[in-house]
C-alpha atoms as a PDB file:
ATOM      1  CA  MET A   1     -12.669   9.637   1.360  1.00  0.00           C
ATOM      2  CA  LYS A   2     -11.102   7.477   4.022  1.00  0.00           C
ATOM      3  CA  VAL A   3     -10.145   3.862   3.242  1.00  0.00           C
ATOM      4  CA  SER A   4      -8.826   0.896   5.242  1.00  0.00           C
ATOM      5  CA  ILE A   5      -7.364  -2.300   4.124  1.00  0.00           C
ATOM      6  CA  ASN A   6      -6.380  -5.285   5.877  1.00  0.00           C
ATOM      7  CA  ILE A   7      -3.859  -7.714   4.849  1.00  0.00           C
ATOM      8  CA  GLN A   8      -2.467 -10.731   6.140  1.00  0.00           C
ATOM      9  CA  ALA A   9       0.563 -11.168   4.113  1.00  0.00           C
ATOM     10  CA  GLY A  10       0.778 -14.984   4.383  1.00  0.00           C
ATOM     11  CA  ILE A  11       3.508 -17.658   5.757  1.00  0.00           C
ATOM     12  CA  CYS A  12       5.104 -14.717   7.448  1.00  0.00           C
ATOM     13  CA  GLY A  13       2.319 -14.807   9.616  1.00  0.00           C
ATOM     14  CA  PHE A  14       2.330 -10.626   9.516  1.00  0.00           C
ATOM     15  CA  GLU A  15      -0.956  -8.520   9.615  1.00  0.00           C
ATOM     16  CA  THR A  16      -1.104  -4.971   8.294  1.00  0.00           C
ATOM     17  CA  THR A  17      -3.841  -2.527   8.068  1.00  0.00           C
ATOM     18  CA  VAL A  18      -3.396   0.517   5.814  1.00  0.00           C
ATOM     19  CA  ILE A  19      -5.663   3.742   6.051  1.00  0.00           C
ATOM     20  CA  ALA A  20      -5.562   6.238   3.492  1.00  0.00           C
ATOM     21  CA  CYS A  21      -7.286   9.443   3.681  1.00  0.00           C
ATOM     22  CA  GLY A  22      -7.528  11.932   0.690  1.00  0.00           C
ATOM     23  CA  SER A  23      -9.950  14.513  -0.825  1.00  0.00           C
ATOM     24  CA  GLU A  24      -8.850  15.291  -4.234  1.00  0.00           C
ATOM     25  CA  VAL A  25      -6.922  13.647  -7.158  1.00  0.00           C
ATOM     26  CA  LYS A  26      -4.179  16.659  -6.890  1.00  0.00           C
ATOM     27  CA  GLU A  27      -3.788  16.704  -3.287  1.00  0.00           C
ATOM     28  CA  PRO A  28      -1.686  14.309  -1.223  1.00  0.00           C
ATOM     29  CA  ALA A  29      -3.408  11.284   0.285  1.00  0.00           C
ATOM     30  CA  GLY A  30      -2.385  10.612   4.068  1.00  0.00           C
ATOM     31  CA  ILE A  31      -1.214   7.234   4.662  1.00  0.00           C
ATOM     32  CA  GLU A  32      -1.141   5.403   7.855  1.00  0.00           C
ATOM     33  CA  ILE A  33       0.046   1.810   8.141  1.00  0.00           C
ATOM     34  CA  LYS A  34      -0.114  -0.330  11.526  1.00  0.00           C
ATOM     35  CA  SER A  35       1.630  -3.710  11.397  1.00  0.00           C
ATOM     36  CA  ASN A  36       3.398  -6.258  13.278  1.00  0.00           C
ATOM     37  CA  CYS A  37       6.102  -6.273  10.477  1.00  0.00           C
ATOM     38  CA  GLU A  38       9.193  -3.902  11.056  1.00  0.00           C
ATOM     39  CA  LYS A  39       9.747  -3.282   7.293  1.00  0.00           C
ATOM     40  CA  ILE A  40       6.364  -2.797   6.423  1.00  0.00           C
ATOM     41  CA  LEU A  41       6.241   0.141   9.357  1.00  0.00           C
ATOM     42  CA  ALA A  42       9.327   1.483   8.018  1.00  0.00           C
ATOM     43  CA  LEU A  43       7.641   1.302   4.410  1.00  0.00           C
ATOM     44  CA  GLY A  44       4.779   3.340   6.204  1.00  0.00           C
ATOM     45  CA  GLU A  45       7.352   5.948   7.632  1.00  0.00           C
ATOM     46  CA  SER A  46       8.597   7.007   4.134  1.00  0.00           C
ATOM     47  CA  VAL A  47       4.950   7.357   2.514  1.00  0.00           C
ATOM     48  CA  ARG A  48       3.011   9.354   4.916  1.00  0.00           C
ATOM     49  CA  GLU A  49       1.852  11.570   2.217  1.00  0.00           C
ATOM     50  CA  VAL A  50       1.575  10.818  -1.505  1.00  0.00           C
ATOM     51  CA  ARG A  51       0.232  12.326  -4.590  1.00  0.00           C
ATOM     52  CA  GLY A  52      -2.631  10.130  -6.208  1.00  0.00           C
ATOM     53  CA  LEU A  53      -2.448  11.407  -9.483  1.00  0.00           C
ATOM     54  CA  ASP A  54       1.335  11.469  -9.396  1.00  0.00           C
ATOM     55  CA  GLU A  55       1.482   7.826  -8.080  1.00  0.00           C
ATOM     56  CA  LEU A  56      -1.113   6.612 -10.726  1.00  0.00           C
ATOM     57  CA  THR A  57       1.067   8.055 -13.588  1.00  0.00           C
ATOM     58  CA  MET A  58       4.363   6.849 -12.266  1.00  0.00           C
ATOM     59  CA  GLY A  59       3.312   3.570 -11.613  1.00  0.00           C
ATOM     60  CA  PHE A  60       5.925   1.272 -10.566  1.00  0.00           C
ATOM     61  CA  ASP A  61       8.281   4.215 -10.336  1.00  0.00           C
ATOM     62  CA  GLY A  62       6.169   6.387  -7.928  1.00  0.00           C
ATOM     63  CA  VAL A  63       6.865   6.802  -4.253  1.00  0.00           C
ATOM     64  CA  ILE A  64       5.306   3.973  -3.073  1.00  0.00           C
ATOM     65  CA  MET A  65       6.780   1.205  -5.099  1.00  0.00           C
ATOM     66  CA  SER A  66      10.015   3.080  -5.052  1.00  0.00           C
ATOM     67  CA  GLU A  67      10.349   2.935  -1.340  1.00  0.00           C
ATOM     68  CA  ALA A  68       8.859  -0.682  -1.296  1.00  0.00           C
ATOM     69  CA  ARG A  69      11.878  -1.899  -3.635  1.00  0.00           C
ATOM     70  CA  LYS A  70      14.413   0.029  -1.190  1.00  0.00           C
ATOM     71  CA  ILE A  71      12.976  -1.459   2.229  1.00  0.00           C
ATOM     72  CA  LEU A  72      11.409  -4.838   1.178  1.00  0.00           C
ATOM     73  CA  LYS A  73      14.644  -6.561   0.043  1.00  0.00           C
ATOM     74  CA  GLY A  74      15.363 -10.416   0.129  1.00  0.00           C
ATOM     75  CA  CYS A  75      12.307 -12.846   0.916  1.00  0.00           C
ATOM     76  CA  CYS A  76       9.948  -9.912   1.427  1.00  0.00           C
ATOM     77  CA  ALA A  77      10.208  -8.680  -2.412  1.00  0.00           C
ATOM     78  CA  GLY A  78       7.077 -10.811  -2.895  1.00  0.00           C
ATOM     79  CA  CYS A  79       4.946  -8.974  -0.114  1.00  0.00           C
ATOM     80  CA  VAL A  80       1.474  -7.961  -1.227  1.00  0.00           C
ATOM     81  CA  VAL A  81       1.329  -4.839   1.376  1.00  0.00           C
ATOM     82  CA  PRO A  82       2.784  -2.475  -1.243  1.00  0.00           C
ATOM     83  CA  ALA A  83       0.154  -3.171  -3.857  1.00  0.00           C
ATOM     84  CA  ALA A  84      -2.433  -2.622  -0.836  1.00  0.00           C
ATOM     85  CA  VAL A  85      -0.976   0.586   0.019  1.00  0.00           C
ATOM     86  CA  PHE A  86      -1.092   1.464  -3.467  1.00  0.00           C
ATOM     87  CA  LYS A  87      -4.622   0.416  -3.893  1.00  0.00           C
ATOM     88  CA  ALA A  88      -5.588   2.268  -0.895  1.00  0.00           C
ATOM     89  CA  MET A  89      -4.042   5.472  -2.020  1.00  0.00           C
ATOM     90  CA  GLN A  90      -5.982   5.068  -5.443  1.00  0.00           C
ATOM     91  CA  VAL A  91      -9.425   4.531  -3.637  1.00  0.00           C
ATOM     92  CA  ALA A  92      -8.786   7.485  -1.187  1.00  0.00           C
ATOM     93  CA  SER A  93      -7.669   9.942  -3.863  1.00  0.00           C
ATOM     94  CA  GLY A  94     -10.970   9.179  -6.009  1.00  0.00           C
ATOM     95  CA  LEU A  95      -8.980   7.410  -8.695  1.00  0.00           C
ATOM     96  CA  ALA A  96     -10.253   3.844  -8.341  1.00  0.00           C
ATOM     97  CA  LEU A  97     -13.595   2.638  -6.861  1.00  0.00           C
ATOM     98  CA  PRO A  98     -13.339   0.390  -3.696  1.00  0.00           C
ATOM     99  CA  LYS A  99     -13.441  -3.460  -4.342  1.00  0.00           C
ATOM    100  CA  ASP A 100     -12.140  -5.988  -2.625  1.00  0.00           C
ATOM    101  CA  ILE A 101      -8.919  -7.795  -3.513  1.00  0.00           C
ATOM    102  CA  LEU A 102      -8.344 -11.312  -3.482  1.00  0.00           C
ATOM    103  CA  ILE A 103      -5.261 -13.451  -3.667  1.00  0.00           C
ATOM    104  CA  SER A 104      -5.773 -17.053  -3.069  1.00  0.00           C
ATOM    105  CA  MET A 105      -3.305 -20.089  -3.451  1.00  0.00           C
ATOM    106  CA  THR A 106      -3.411 -23.786  -4.184  1.00  0.00           C
ATOM    107  CA  LYS A 107      -0.567 -26.107  -3.988  1.00  0.00           C
ATOM    108  CA  GLU A 108      -0.771 -28.614  -6.824  1.00  0.00           C
END
């Protein structure tokens, strides 16, 4: 399955598209990341192929989140893009059903 997720990250103004392609749970999913953020592009280079089942069982210790922790230091630590990459991988690998994700914010 091929899945595409578009992310507008917030106040930074960066936009990212994550494209994940997979066929089976045990096979690697290919991940392509297009972004105007240099750090997210670096994340994309380090997670070009990941095994869906491994990522699911390892969770925050898997390749996607581990690489995100290394690359997205400082003000980028709260970036929503790594979660979108993880979700794209899940859907492409057949480990989750496609459903939109929404984060909305209200200042009070």
